[in-house]
N, C-alpha and C. Protein backbone atom coordinates (compact mmCIF):
# COMPACT_ATOMS: atom_id res chain seq x y z
N UNK A 1 -9.52 37.90 -34.54
CA UNK A 1 -9.89 37.27 -33.02
C UNK A 1 -8.80 35.79 -32.59
N UNK A 2 -9.02 35.32 -34.27
CA UNK A 2 -7.93 34.05 -33.91
C UNK A 2 -6.55 34.42 -33.54
N UNK A 3 -6.33 35.50 -34.02
CA UNK A 3 -4.80 35.69 -33.62
C UNK A 3 -4.28 35.56 -32.27
N UNK A 4 -6.06 36.30 -31.29
CA UNK A 4 -5.63 36.28 -30.13
C UNK A 4 -5.92 35.35 -29.20
N UNK A 5 -6.63 34.13 -29.83
CA UNK A 5 -6.99 33.38 -29.19
C UNK A 5 -5.50 32.10 -29.78
N UNK A 6 -5.43 31.79 -30.66
CA UNK A 6 -3.46 31.35 -30.88
C UNK A 6 -2.99 31.70 -30.21
N UNK A 7 -2.98 33.36 -29.72
CA UNK A 7 -1.84 33.67 -28.70
C UNK A 7 -2.16 33.06 -27.21
N UNK A 8 -2.80 32.82 -27.01
CA UNK A 8 -3.43 32.63 -25.07
C UNK A 8 -3.57 30.33 -25.69
N UNK A 9 -3.50 30.38 -26.33
CA UNK A 9 -3.17 28.85 -26.36
C UNK A 9 -1.53 28.26 -26.57
N UNK A 10 -0.38 29.68 -27.03
CA UNK A 10 0.55 29.28 -27.31
C UNK A 10 1.23 29.71 -25.59
N UNK A 11 0.62 30.67 -24.94
CA UNK A 11 1.41 31.21 -23.24
C UNK A 11 0.91 30.24 -22.18
N UNK A 12 -0.09 29.36 -22.76
CA UNK A 12 -0.68 28.37 -21.90
C UNK A 12 0.53 27.29 -21.24
N UNK A 13 1.10 27.26 -20.02
CA UNK A 13 1.86 26.41 -19.80
C UNK A 13 1.95 24.96 -20.47
N UNK A 14 3.09 25.40 -20.93
CA UNK A 14 3.10 22.99 -21.68
C UNK A 14 3.69 22.08 -20.66
N UNK A 15 3.89 22.15 -19.43
CA UNK A 15 4.39 21.39 -18.17
C UNK A 15 2.76 21.03 -18.00
N UNK A 16 2.04 21.72 -17.61
CA UNK A 16 -0.05 21.13 -17.14
C UNK A 16 -0.02 19.75 -17.56
N UNK A 17 0.19 19.35 -18.63
CA UNK A 17 0.09 18.46 -19.37
C UNK A 17 0.35 16.96 -18.43
N UNK A 18 1.66 17.52 -18.32
CA UNK A 18 2.50 16.73 -17.62
C UNK A 18 2.23 16.73 -16.19
N UNK A 19 2.19 17.38 -15.47
CA UNK A 19 1.34 17.22 -14.63
C UNK A 19 0.33 16.54 -13.63
N UNK A 20 -0.53 16.57 -15.29
CA UNK A 20 -1.57 16.75 -14.98
C UNK A 20 -2.17 14.61 -15.29
N UNK A 21 -1.14 14.11 -15.60
CA UNK A 21 -0.98 12.99 -16.18
C UNK A 21 -0.38 12.17 -14.66
N UNK A 22 0.78 13.29 -14.20
CA UNK A 22 1.01 12.52 -12.63
C UNK A 22 0.30 12.39 -11.62
N UNK A 23 -0.73 13.04 -12.42
CA UNK A 23 -1.66 13.73 -10.40
C UNK A 23 -2.27 11.64 -10.53
N UNK A 24 -2.25 11.76 -12.08
CA UNK A 24 -3.72 10.48 -12.44
C UNK A 24 -2.72 8.80 -12.85
N UNK A 25 -1.80 9.21 -11.88
CA UNK A 25 -0.96 7.87 -11.84
C UNK A 25 -1.51 7.59 -10.41
N UNK A 26 -1.22 5.64 -10.88
CA UNK A 26 -2.17 5.37 -9.77
C UNK A 26 -2.07 4.70 -8.96
N UNK A 27 -2.12 4.49 -7.39
CA UNK A 27 -2.00 5.02 -6.55
C UNK A 27 -0.33 4.30 -6.00
N UNK A 28 -0.54 2.43 -6.36
CA UNK A 28 0.60 1.90 -6.32
C UNK A 28 1.66 2.18 -6.65
N UNK A 29 1.60 2.37 -8.12
CA UNK A 29 2.95 3.39 -8.77
C UNK A 29 3.45 3.87 -8.21
N UNK A 30 2.94 5.21 -7.26
CA UNK A 30 3.87 6.69 -6.81
C UNK A 30 4.11 5.91 -6.08
N UNK A 31 3.30 4.94 -5.07
CA UNK A 31 3.72 4.90 -3.78
C UNK A 31 5.07 3.76 -3.88
N UNK A 32 5.22 3.23 -4.86
CA UNK A 32 6.49 2.53 -5.11
C UNK A 32 7.56 3.14 -5.50
N UNK A 33 7.42 4.43 -6.31
CA UNK A 33 8.38 5.63 -6.61
C UNK A 33 8.95 6.51 -5.71
N UNK A 34 7.22 6.87 -4.49
CA UNK A 34 8.05 7.59 -3.94
C UNK A 34 9.37 6.85 -2.92
N UNK A 35 8.94 5.41 -2.41
CA UNK A 35 9.87 4.40 -1.65
C UNK A 35 10.62 4.47 -2.65
N UNK A 36 10.97 4.50 -3.79
CA UNK A 36 12.56 4.41 -4.50
C UNK A 36 13.65 5.50 -4.33
N UNK A 37 12.30 6.43 -4.47
CA UNK A 37 12.96 7.67 -4.18
C UNK A 37 13.61 7.98 -2.71
N UNK A 38 13.36 7.74 -2.02
CA UNK A 38 13.10 7.31 -1.23
C UNK A 38 14.46 6.64 -0.50
N UNK A 39 14.90 5.55 -0.97
CA UNK A 39 16.13 4.58 -0.97
C UNK A 39 17.58 5.41 -1.53
N UNK A 40 16.75 6.35 -2.70
CA UNK A 40 18.16 6.54 -3.38
C UNK A 40 19.12 7.43 -3.07
N UNK A 41 17.70 8.58 -1.97
CA UNK A 41 18.47 9.53 -1.31
C UNK A 41 18.89 8.69 0.05
N UNK A 42 18.31 7.82 0.21
CA UNK A 42 19.23 7.50 1.39
C UNK A 42 20.70 6.80 1.14
N UNK A 43 20.92 6.19 -0.22
CA UNK A 43 22.34 5.52 -0.68
C UNK A 43 23.28 6.51 -1.04
N UNK A 44 22.18 7.94 -1.30
CA UNK A 44 23.04 9.55 -1.44
C UNK A 44 23.35 9.40 -0.08
N UNK A 45 22.54 9.62 1.32
CA UNK A 45 23.10 9.93 2.29
C UNK A 45 24.53 8.96 2.72
N UNK A 46 24.21 7.80 2.44
CA UNK A 46 24.92 7.53 2.61
C UNK A 46 26.79 6.97 2.33
N UNK A 47 26.35 7.53 1.01
CA UNK A 47 28.30 8.10 -0.08
C UNK A 47 28.70 9.33 0.22
N UNK A 48 28.15 9.82 0.69
CA UNK A 48 28.69 11.35 1.34
C UNK A 48 29.26 11.38 2.85
N UNK A 49 28.47 10.53 3.32
CA UNK A 49 28.24 10.39 5.10
C UNK A 49 29.52 9.13 5.69
N UNK A 50 29.53 8.17 5.05
CA UNK A 50 30.40 6.62 4.79
C UNK A 50 29.94 5.93 5.97
N UNK A 51 28.21 6.12 6.55
CA UNK A 51 27.81 5.73 7.68
C UNK A 51 26.29 5.05 6.61
N UNK A 52 26.97 3.64 7.78
CA UNK A 52 25.45 2.66 6.45
C UNK A 52 24.77 2.82 7.14
N UNK A 53 23.68 3.16 8.09
CA UNK A 53 22.89 3.23 8.77
C UNK A 53 21.82 4.35 8.31
N UNK A 54 22.70 5.45 7.66
CA UNK A 54 21.61 6.56 6.82
C UNK A 54 21.40 5.68 5.81
N UNK A 55 21.10 4.54 5.52
CA UNK A 55 20.02 4.49 4.49
C UNK A 55 18.96 4.13 4.63
N UNK A 56 18.63 3.83 5.20
CA UNK A 56 17.28 4.05 6.59
C UNK A 56 16.42 4.88 6.42
N UNK A 57 17.71 6.19 6.43
CA UNK A 57 16.77 7.26 6.47
C UNK A 57 16.57 7.44 5.29
N UNK A 58 16.62 7.00 4.03
CA UNK A 58 16.11 7.75 3.18
C UNK A 58 14.60 6.26 2.70
N UNK A 59 14.85 5.45 3.29
CA UNK A 59 14.22 4.68 3.21
C UNK A 59 12.97 5.40 4.27
N UNK A 60 13.36 5.51 5.44
CA UNK A 60 11.49 6.12 6.05
C UNK A 60 11.21 7.55 5.52
N UNK A 61 11.97 8.70 4.64
CA UNK A 61 10.95 9.23 3.98
C UNK A 61 9.89 8.42 2.80
N UNK A 62 10.96 7.65 1.96
CA UNK A 62 10.11 7.10 1.68
C UNK A 62 8.56 6.16 1.75
N UNK A 63 8.69 6.34 3.09
CA UNK A 63 7.10 5.51 3.27
C UNK A 63 6.82 6.49 4.04
N UNK A 64 7.36 7.50 4.78
CA UNK A 64 6.54 8.85 5.08
C UNK A 64 6.13 9.08 3.45
N UNK A 65 6.74 9.77 2.01
CA UNK A 65 5.73 10.04 1.31
C UNK A 65 4.59 9.50 1.33
N UNK A 66 4.61 7.86 0.73
CA UNK A 66 4.21 6.63 0.54
C UNK A 66 2.65 6.90 1.30
N UNK A 67 2.97 7.02 2.17
CA UNK A 67 1.43 7.22 3.20
C UNK A 67 1.05 8.88 2.94
N UNK A 68 2.19 9.34 2.77
CA UNK A 68 1.23 10.56 2.44
C UNK A 68 0.71 10.75 0.69
N UNK A 69 1.04 10.24 0.13
CA UNK A 69 0.20 9.94 -0.89
C UNK A 69 -0.91 9.51 -1.00
N UNK A 70 -0.79 8.30 0.13
CA UNK A 70 -1.97 8.01 -0.30
C UNK A 70 -3.16 8.55 0.72
N UNK A 71 -2.60 9.67 1.76
CA UNK A 71 -3.40 10.34 2.63
C UNK A 71 -3.91 11.63 1.73
N UNK A 72 -3.31 11.77 0.47
CA UNK A 72 -4.01 13.06 0.10
C UNK A 72 -5.05 12.67 -1.62
N UNK A 73 -4.82 11.30 -2.36
CA UNK A 73 -5.52 11.05 -2.86
C UNK A 73 -7.04 10.51 -1.49
N UNK A 74 -6.66 9.68 -0.16
CA UNK A 74 -8.07 9.65 0.44
C UNK A 74 -8.85 11.14 0.44
N UNK A 75 -7.99 12.37 0.94
CA UNK A 75 -8.78 13.30 0.98
C UNK A 75 -9.09 13.72 -0.54
N UNK A 76 -8.87 13.71 -1.46
CA UNK A 76 -9.39 14.08 -2.78
C UNK A 76 -11.28 13.15 -3.58
N UNK A 77 -10.63 11.73 -2.75
CA UNK A 77 -11.90 11.01 -2.75
C UNK A 77 -13.23 12.02 -2.40
N UNK A 78 -12.49 11.80 -0.68
CA UNK A 78 -13.68 12.78 -0.31
C UNK A 78 -14.24 14.03 -0.64
N UNK A 79 -13.56 14.61 -0.94
CA UNK A 79 -14.01 15.80 -1.56
C UNK A 79 -14.61 15.52 -3.43
N UNK A 80 -14.64 14.40 -3.20
CA UNK A 80 -15.36 14.27 -4.29
C UNK A 80 -16.82 13.89 -4.47
N UNK A 81 -16.44 13.36 -3.39
CA UNK A 81 -18.37 12.15 -2.98
C UNK A 81 -18.58 13.58 -2.51
N UNK A 82 -17.82 14.56 -1.77
CA UNK A 82 -18.78 15.66 -1.40
C UNK A 82 -19.67 16.57 -1.46
N UNK A 83 -19.00 16.10 -2.82
CA UNK A 83 -18.97 17.51 -4.20
C UNK A 83 -20.84 17.04 -5.02
N UNK A 84 -20.64 15.42 -4.71
CA UNK A 84 -21.28 14.73 -5.35
C UNK A 84 -22.75 14.40 -5.20
N UNK A 85 -22.16 14.22 -3.20
CA UNK A 85 -23.80 14.72 -2.38
C UNK A 85 -24.50 16.11 -3.03
N UNK A 86 -24.05 16.47 -2.95
CA UNK A 86 -24.41 17.94 -3.15
C UNK A 86 -25.14 18.31 -4.05
N UNK A 87 -24.93 17.09 -5.46
CA UNK A 87 -25.90 17.68 -6.69
C UNK A 87 -27.43 16.88 -6.58
N UNK A 88 -28.42 17.17 -6.49
CA UNK A 88 -29.95 16.74 -7.07
C UNK A 88 -29.95 15.37 -7.08
N UNK A 89 -29.51 15.25 -8.11
CA UNK A 89 -29.60 13.73 -9.36
C UNK A 89 -29.02 12.29 -8.35
N UNK A 90 -28.40 12.90 -7.48
CA UNK A 90 -27.49 11.68 -6.26
C UNK A 90 -28.14 11.50 -5.70
N UNK A 91 -28.95 12.19 -5.28
CA UNK A 91 -30.24 12.42 -3.81
C UNK A 91 -31.20 11.73 -4.11
N UNK A 92 -31.21 10.87 -4.25
CA UNK A 92 -32.46 9.68 -4.01
C UNK A 92 -32.28 9.01 -2.81
N UNK A 93 -31.44 8.80 -2.45
CA UNK A 93 -31.25 7.40 -1.74
C UNK A 93 -31.90 8.00 -0.34
N UNK A 94 -31.68 9.54 -0.13
CA UNK A 94 -32.18 10.63 0.94
C UNK A 94 -33.23 11.02 0.61
N UNK A 95 -33.90 11.23 -0.55
CA UNK A 95 -35.75 11.07 -0.83
C UNK A 95 -35.98 9.77 -0.90
N UNK A 96 -35.71 8.38 -0.84
CA UNK A 96 -36.46 6.81 -0.73
C UNK A 96 -36.34 7.74 1.05
N UNK A 97 -35.50 7.23 1.67
CA UNK A 97 -34.75 7.39 3.09
C UNK A 97 -36.49 8.43 3.87
N UNK A 98 -36.28 9.06 3.28
CA UNK A 98 -37.58 10.43 3.74
C UNK A 98 -39.44 10.02 4.41
N UNK A 99 -39.60 8.94 2.62
CA UNK A 99 -40.66 8.95 2.16
C UNK A 99 -40.91 7.25 3.11
N UNK A 100 -39.79 6.57 3.14
CA UNK A 100 -39.86 5.99 4.07
C UNK A 100 -40.53 5.78 5.46
N UNK A 101 -40.10 6.73 6.14
CA UNK A 101 -40.40 7.82 7.13
C UNK A 101 -41.68 8.19 7.12
N UNK A 102 -42.46 9.01 6.03
CA UNK A 102 -43.54 9.35 6.68
C UNK A 102 -44.94 8.48 6.12
N UNK A 103 -44.38 7.34 5.74
CA UNK A 103 -45.81 5.80 5.67
C UNK A 103 -46.32 5.53 6.84
N UNK A 104 -47.34 5.38 7.31
CA UNK A 104 -48.26 5.06 8.05
C UNK A 104 -48.54 4.27 7.67
N UNK A 105 -48.35 2.82 8.26
CA UNK A 105 -49.14 1.33 7.90
C UNK A 105 -50.51 0.88 8.82
N UNK A 106 -50.49 1.69 9.94
CA UNK A 106 -51.22 1.01 11.03
C UNK A 106 -50.64 0.11 11.25
N UNK A 107 -52.19 -0.35 12.16
CA UNK A 107 -51.88 -1.61 12.71
C UNK A 107 -52.41 -2.73 12.06
N UNK A 108 -50.91 -3.99 12.19
CA UNK A 108 -51.57 -4.51 11.49
C UNK A 108 -52.58 -5.90 11.81
N UNK A 109 -52.84 -6.20 11.09
CA UNK A 109 -54.15 -7.87 11.61
C UNK A 109 -53.84 -9.01 11.18
N UNK A 110 -53.38 -9.60 11.92
CA UNK A 110 -52.88 -10.77 11.87
C UNK A 110 -53.85 -12.08 11.69
């Protein structure tokens, strides 16, 4: 049995830790990398075509990729918060709000 477990571990993709590490990069670094890659693409297009303004195509591609990274992180965080909200141990705020609505203090006498 131990031999089977070792074979399973060997079959796991070796690139998975790299992907997980790239996923956990901070948002700022990923934005800078996206823009730099876009500038690199623009420079490559400029060197192939010889037209100077084509570098801006790469800059816009990089900025679009950076904005897409921000959107993906936002969606991931919203999904994470929604999952946490479903757990009963984090529902204390909802319970407190329901308890406050049920209270009847009666008339106040001053």
